[in-house]
Protein backbone atom coordinates (compact mmCIF):
# COMPACT_ATOMS: atom_id res chain seq x y z
CA UNK A 1 -45.91 -7.87 88.63
CA UNK A 2 -46.63 -10.72 86.23
CA UNK A 3 -44.27 -13.31 85.64
CA UNK A 4 -43.02 -12.29 82.11
CA UNK A 5 -41.93 -9.30 83.61
CA UNK A 6 -40.31 -10.62 86.43
CA UNK A 7 -38.47 -13.19 83.99
CA UNK A 8 -37.28 -10.13 81.77
CA UNK A 9 -36.13 -7.99 84.99
CA UNK A 10 -33.95 -11.22 86.36
CA UNK A 11 -32.60 -11.61 82.60
CA UNK A 12 -32.02 -7.64 83.11
CA UNK A 13 -30.32 -8.03 86.43
CA UNK A 14 -28.32 -11.44 85.75
CA UNK A 15 -26.43 -9.53 82.39
CA UNK A 16 -25.94 -6.27 84.58
CA UNK A 17 -24.62 -8.50 87.40
CA UNK A 18 -22.06 -10.40 84.88
CA UNK A 19 -21.43 -7.15 83.45
CA UNK A 20 -19.96 -5.80 86.75
CA UNK A 21 -18.24 -8.71 87.52
CA UNK A 22 -16.49 -9.35 84.47
CA UNK A 23 -15.24 -5.67 83.15
CA UNK A 24 -14.74 -4.44 86.98
CA UNK A 25 -13.96 -7.84 89.19
CA UNK A 26 -15.15 -8.21 92.67
CA UNK A 27 -15.77 -4.54 94.06
CA UNK A 28 -13.29 -4.15 97.00
CA UNK A 29 -14.31 -3.79 100.25
CA UNK A 30 -18.23 -3.92 99.16
CA UNK A 31 -18.75 -7.12 97.84
CA UNK A 32 -16.83 -10.54 97.55
CA UNK A 33 -18.69 -12.33 95.24
CA UNK A 34 -20.83 -12.49 92.15
CA UNK A 35 -23.86 -13.93 93.70
CA UNK A 36 -23.37 -10.68 96.91
CA UNK A 37 -23.77 -8.79 93.49
CA UNK A 38 -26.69 -10.35 92.00
CA UNK A 39 -28.23 -10.27 95.50
CA UNK A 40 -27.70 -6.53 96.02
CA UNK A 41 -29.28 -5.87 92.54
CA UNK A 42 -32.11 -7.96 92.84
CA UNK A 43 -33.91 -5.14 95.17
CA UNK A 44 -34.26 -3.53 91.66
CA UNK A 45 -36.90 -6.28 90.17
CA UNK A 46 -39.19 -5.58 93.25
CA UNK A 47 -40.37 -2.37 91.07
CA UNK A 48 -42.56 -2.47 88.10
CA UNK A 49 -41.21 -0.11 85.43
CA UNK A 50 -43.01 0.90 82.38
CA UNK A 51 -40.67 0.52 79.64
CA UNK A 52 -36.77 -1.18 79.44
CA UNK A 53 -35.06 2.50 79.49
CA UNK A 54 -36.60 2.23 83.25
CA UNK A 55 -34.93 -0.86 83.63
CA UNK A 56 -31.74 0.18 82.35
CA UNK A 57 -31.83 3.41 84.48
CA UNK A 58 -32.73 1.59 87.39
CA UNK A 59 -30.15 -0.95 87.47
CA UNK A 60 -27.84 1.53 86.42
CA UNK A 61 -28.83 3.22 89.31
CA UNK A 62 -27.96 0.02 91.73
CA UNK A 63 -24.56 -0.70 89.67
CA UNK A 64 -23.77 2.96 90.70
CA UNK A 65 -24.48 2.50 94.97
CA UNK A 66 -22.29 -0.45 94.32
CA UNK A 67 -19.35 1.26 92.52
CA UNK A 68 -19.12 4.84 92.81
CA UNK A 69 -16.73 5.40 90.24
CA UNK A 70 -19.13 4.63 87.59
CA UNK A 71 -21.46 7.56 86.95
CA UNK A 72 -25.02 6.68 85.95
CA UNK A 73 -25.35 7.97 82.40
CA UNK A 74 -21.89 5.77 81.69
CA UNK A 75 -23.66 3.07 82.52
CA UNK A 76 -26.62 3.22 80.93
CA UNK A 77 -24.15 3.65 77.51
CA UNK A 78 -22.27 0.71 78.53
CA UNK A 79 -25.00 -1.71 79.47
CA UNK A 80 -24.83 -4.48 76.83
CA UNK A 81 -28.01 -4.59 74.36
CA UNK A 82 -31.14 -6.30 74.11
CA UNK A 83 -33.84 -7.50 76.91
């Protein structure tokens, strides 16, 4: 994955982690810091996606693993715009 794509993915992950942290607060019993949320989501950066929609879907899936109460489709709609 080239450096530009890595930076874009890091930005998406950071926004997703910040979104989850700010909107939901700390996830009880799973993570205890924003850094841990970011570290969990960073695994998504290893994939080489073809388009932005795939980035958001995969980040939403990662968020869904952390917070089972939020369906993937809702997370996709609620994600901050841009990229």
